[in-house]
C-alpha atoms as a PDB file:
ATOM      1  CA  MET A   1      10.313 -30.300   2.101  1.00  0.00           C
ATOM      2  CA  THR A   2      11.071 -34.107   1.471  1.00  0.00           C
ATOM      3  CA  SER A   3       8.908 -36.924  -0.016  1.00  0.00           C
ATOM      4  CA  PRO A   4       5.501 -37.071   0.542  1.00  0.00           C
ATOM      5  CA  ASP A   5       5.875 -40.633   1.053  1.00  0.00           C
ATOM      6  CA  ALA A   6       9.528 -42.094   1.425  1.00  0.00           C
ATOM      7  CA  ASP A   7       9.874 -44.759  -1.391  1.00  0.00           C
ATOM      8  CA  GLU A   8       8.133 -42.951  -4.610  1.00  0.00           C
ATOM      9  CA  PRO A   9       9.761 -41.051  -7.153  1.00  0.00           C
ATOM     10  CA  TYR A  10       9.762 -36.682  -7.279  1.00  0.00           C
ATOM     11  CA  VAL A  11      11.649 -34.434  -8.553  1.00  0.00           C
ATOM     12  CA  ARG A  12      11.274 -31.120  -6.724  1.00  0.00           C
ATOM     13  CA  HIS A  13      10.548 -29.100  -9.969  1.00  0.00           C
ATOM     14  CA  ASP A  14      10.245 -25.648  -8.577  1.00  0.00           C
ATOM     15  CA  LEU A  15      14.138 -25.895  -7.350  1.00  0.00           C
ATOM     16  CA  VAL A  16      14.997 -27.988 -10.920  1.00  0.00           C
ATOM     17  CA  TYR A  17      14.623 -26.889 -14.357  1.00  0.00           C
ATOM     18  CA  VAL A  18      16.084 -29.072 -17.848  1.00  0.00           C
ATOM     19  CA  ASP A  19      18.146 -26.649 -20.092  1.00  0.00           C
ATOM     20  CA  ASP A  20      20.933 -26.983 -22.831  1.00  0.00           C
ATOM     21  CA  SER A  21      24.407 -27.874 -20.507  1.00  0.00           C
ATOM     22  CA  PRO A  22      27.694 -26.228 -22.094  1.00  0.00           C
ATOM     23  CA  ILE A  23      29.338 -28.793 -20.326  1.00  0.00           C
ATOM     24  CA  GLU A  24      27.327 -31.910 -22.951  1.00  0.00           C
ATOM     25  CA  GLY A  25      23.707 -32.452 -24.423  1.00  0.00           C
ATOM     26  CA  LYS A  26      21.162 -31.598 -21.622  1.00  0.00           C
ATOM     27  CA  GLY A  27      21.723 -30.125 -18.002  1.00  0.00           C
ATOM     28  CA  LEU A  28      20.070 -29.358 -14.962  1.00  0.00           C
ATOM     29  CA  PHE A  29      20.007 -25.997 -13.495  1.00  0.00           C
ATOM     30  CA  ALA A  30      18.745 -24.111 -10.597  1.00  0.00           C
ATOM     31  CA  ARG A  31      15.706 -22.848 -10.508  1.00  0.00           C
ATOM     32  CA  ARG A  32      16.268 -20.610  -7.313  1.00  0.00           C
ATOM     33  CA  LYS A  33      19.170 -20.471  -4.544  1.00  0.00           C
ATOM     34  CA  ILE A  34      19.035 -24.760  -3.043  1.00  0.00           C
ATOM     35  CA  LYS A  35      20.942 -24.729   0.996  1.00  0.00           C
ATOM     36  CA  LYS A  36      23.317 -27.440   1.624  1.00  0.00           C
ATOM     37  CA  GLY A  37      21.611 -29.923   2.113  1.00  0.00           C
ATOM     38  CA  THR A  38      18.380 -29.852   0.170  1.00  0.00           C
ATOM     39  CA  GLU A  39      17.416 -33.363  -0.897  1.00  0.00           C
ATOM     40  CA  LEU A  40      16.148 -32.650  -4.494  1.00  0.00           C
ATOM     41  CA  GLY A  41      15.064 -35.737  -5.324  1.00  0.00           C
ATOM     42  CA  ARG A  42      14.266 -39.647  -5.358  1.00  0.00           C
ATOM     43  CA  LEU A  43      15.224 -41.502  -9.080  1.00  0.00           C
ATOM     44  CA  LYS A  44      12.625 -42.956 -10.801  1.00  0.00           C
ATOM     45  CA  VAL A  45      15.270 -46.153 -11.838  1.00  0.00           C
ATOM     46  CA  LYS A  46      14.758 -49.265 -13.630  1.00  0.00           C
ATOM     47  CA  GLU A  47      17.432 -51.906 -12.844  1.00  0.00           C
ATOM     48  CA  ALA A  48      19.785 -51.384 -16.374  1.00  0.00           C
ATOM     49  CA  ARG A  49      21.945 -54.935 -17.069  1.00  0.00           C
ATOM     50  CA  GLY A  50      25.133 -52.410 -18.912  1.00  0.00           C
ATOM     51  CA  ASN A  51      26.512 -49.686 -19.454  1.00  0.00           C
ATOM     52  CA  GLY A  52      25.804 -46.383 -21.138  1.00  0.00           C
ATOM     53  CA  PRO A  53      23.267 -43.787 -20.795  1.00  0.00           C
ATOM     54  CA  TYR A  54      21.188 -42.797 -18.106  1.00  0.00           C
ATOM     55  CA  VAL A  55      23.187 -45.542 -16.336  1.00  0.00           C
ATOM     56  CA  LEU A  56      24.617 -45.027 -12.623  1.00  0.00           C
ATOM     57  CA  THR A  57      26.163 -47.218  -9.912  1.00  0.00           C
ATOM     58  CA  ILE A  58      25.105 -46.320  -7.025  1.00  0.00           C
ATOM     59  CA  ASP A  59      27.310 -48.764  -3.734  1.00  0.00           C
ATOM     60  CA  GLU A  60      29.511 -51.075  -3.805  1.00  0.00           C
ATOM     61  CA  SER A  61      26.767 -53.953  -4.964  1.00  0.00           C
ATOM     62  CA  GLY A  62      27.411 -53.471  -9.066  1.00  0.00           C
ATOM     63  CA  GLU A  63      24.138 -52.988  -9.154  1.00  0.00           C
ATOM     64  CA  ARG A  64      22.622 -50.452 -11.809  1.00  0.00           C
ATOM     65  CA  TYR A  65      20.164 -48.234 -12.472  1.00  0.00           C
ATOM     66  CA  ARG A  66      18.886 -46.655 -15.387  1.00  0.00           C
ATOM     67  CA  VAL A  67      17.730 -43.116 -14.859  1.00  0.00           C
ATOM     68  CA  LEU A  68      14.035 -42.619 -15.812  1.00  0.00           C
ATOM     69  CA  CYS A  69      13.024 -38.625 -14.179  1.00  0.00           C
ATOM     70  CA  ASN A  70      14.338 -35.156 -14.571  1.00  0.00           C
ATOM     71  CA  LEU A  71      17.341 -36.051 -12.764  1.00  0.00           C
ATOM     72  CA  ARG A  72      18.970 -37.957 -15.163  1.00  0.00           C
ATOM     73  CA  TYR A  73      20.263 -34.734 -16.798  1.00  0.00           C
ATOM     74  CA  ILE A  74      22.736 -34.005 -13.236  1.00  0.00           C
ATOM     75  CA  ASN A  75      26.440 -34.020 -15.378  1.00  0.00           C
ATOM     76  CA  HIS A  76      29.623 -34.919 -13.862  1.00  0.00           C
ATOM     77  CA  GLY A  77      31.817 -32.099 -12.481  1.00  0.00           C
ATOM     78  CA  ASP A  78      35.583 -32.521 -10.550  1.00  0.00           C
ATOM     79  CA  THR A  79      34.002 -29.672  -8.064  1.00  0.00           C
ATOM     80  CA  PRO A  80      29.948 -31.275  -7.540  1.00  0.00           C
ATOM     81  CA  ASN A  81      27.780 -29.412  -6.209  1.00  0.00           C
ATOM     82  CA  VAL A  82      25.098 -32.475  -5.740  1.00  0.00           C
ATOM     83  CA  ALA A  83      25.709 -36.131  -4.992  1.00  0.00           C
ATOM     84  CA  TYR A  84      23.945 -38.760  -6.211  1.00  0.00           C
ATOM     85  CA  CYS A  85      22.773 -40.579  -1.875  1.00  0.00           C
ATOM     86  CA  ASP A  86      22.559 -44.690  -1.801  1.00  0.00           C
ATOM     87  CA  ASP A  87      19.261 -44.971  -1.033  1.00  0.00           C
ATOM     88  CA  LEU A  88      18.110 -42.904  -4.391  1.00  0.00           C
ATOM     89  CA  THR A  89      18.001 -39.163  -3.283  1.00  0.00           C
ATOM     90  CA  VAL A  90      19.699 -36.703  -4.615  1.00  0.00           C
ATOM     91  CA  GLU A  91      20.959 -34.172  -2.173  1.00  0.00           C
ATOM     92  CA  ALA A  92      22.743 -30.178  -2.313  1.00  0.00           C
ATOM     93  CA  LEU A  93      26.522 -30.581  -0.956  1.00  0.00           C
ATOM     94  CA  ARG A  94      26.824 -26.644  -1.036  1.00  0.00           C
ATOM     95  CA  ASN A  95      24.948 -24.142  -1.189  1.00  0.00           C
ATOM     96  CA  ILE A  96      23.879 -23.513  -5.129  1.00  0.00           C
ATOM     97  CA  LYS A  97      23.448 -20.050  -6.950  1.00  0.00           C
ATOM     98  CA  PRO A  98      19.543 -19.400  -8.968  1.00  0.00           C
ATOM     99  CA  GLY A  99      20.746 -20.812 -13.411  1.00  0.00           C
ATOM    100  CA  GLU A 100      23.667 -23.039 -11.331  1.00  0.00           C
ATOM    101  CA  GLU A 101      24.292 -26.740 -13.329  1.00  0.00           C
ATOM    102  CA  LEU A 102      24.132 -29.104 -10.622  1.00  0.00           C
ATOM    103  CA  LEU A 103      27.065 -31.318 -10.996  1.00  0.00           C
ATOM    104  CA  HIS A 104      28.016 -34.805  -9.828  1.00  0.00           C
ATOM    105  CA  TYR A 105      31.534 -35.916  -9.564  1.00  0.00           C
ATOM    106  CA  TYR A 106      30.718 -39.380 -11.133  1.00  0.00           C
ATOM    107  CA  GLY A 107      33.886 -41.470 -10.241  1.00  0.00           C
ATOM    108  CA  GLU A 108      37.575 -41.788 -11.932  1.00  0.00           C
ATOM    109  CA  GLU A 109      36.325 -45.094 -13.871  1.00  0.00           C
ATOM    110  CA  TRP A 110      34.072 -42.171 -16.101  1.00  0.00           C
ATOM    111  CA  GLU A 111      36.946 -39.559 -16.621  1.00  0.00           C
ATOM    112  CA  GLY A 112      38.683 -42.228 -18.818  1.00  0.00           C
ATOM    113  CA  ALA A 113      35.845 -43.634 -20.863  1.00  0.00           C
END
């Protein structure tokens, strides 16, 4: 399933849900099995002037975006199972089991913060 309009933000609520995370705060979890390569949504964002909660730098341009949808609850993990892509979509990097928390590797700069 892809977005009805390739530029419109959306979240695959049939595949993911928000719950308390053992990692930190809230997290995004798999509602059912998610296959590798599945697009889980397109971020709803607004430009951000600085760093802060739910702010992402997607590409080398240094542009920052504040994530406004439930995809903001994807926590950091050293062994990620999803990735934020340059086109603002989120994709499964491997098969994900029901109940498993979705994790993205934020980068070395983030780990030291």
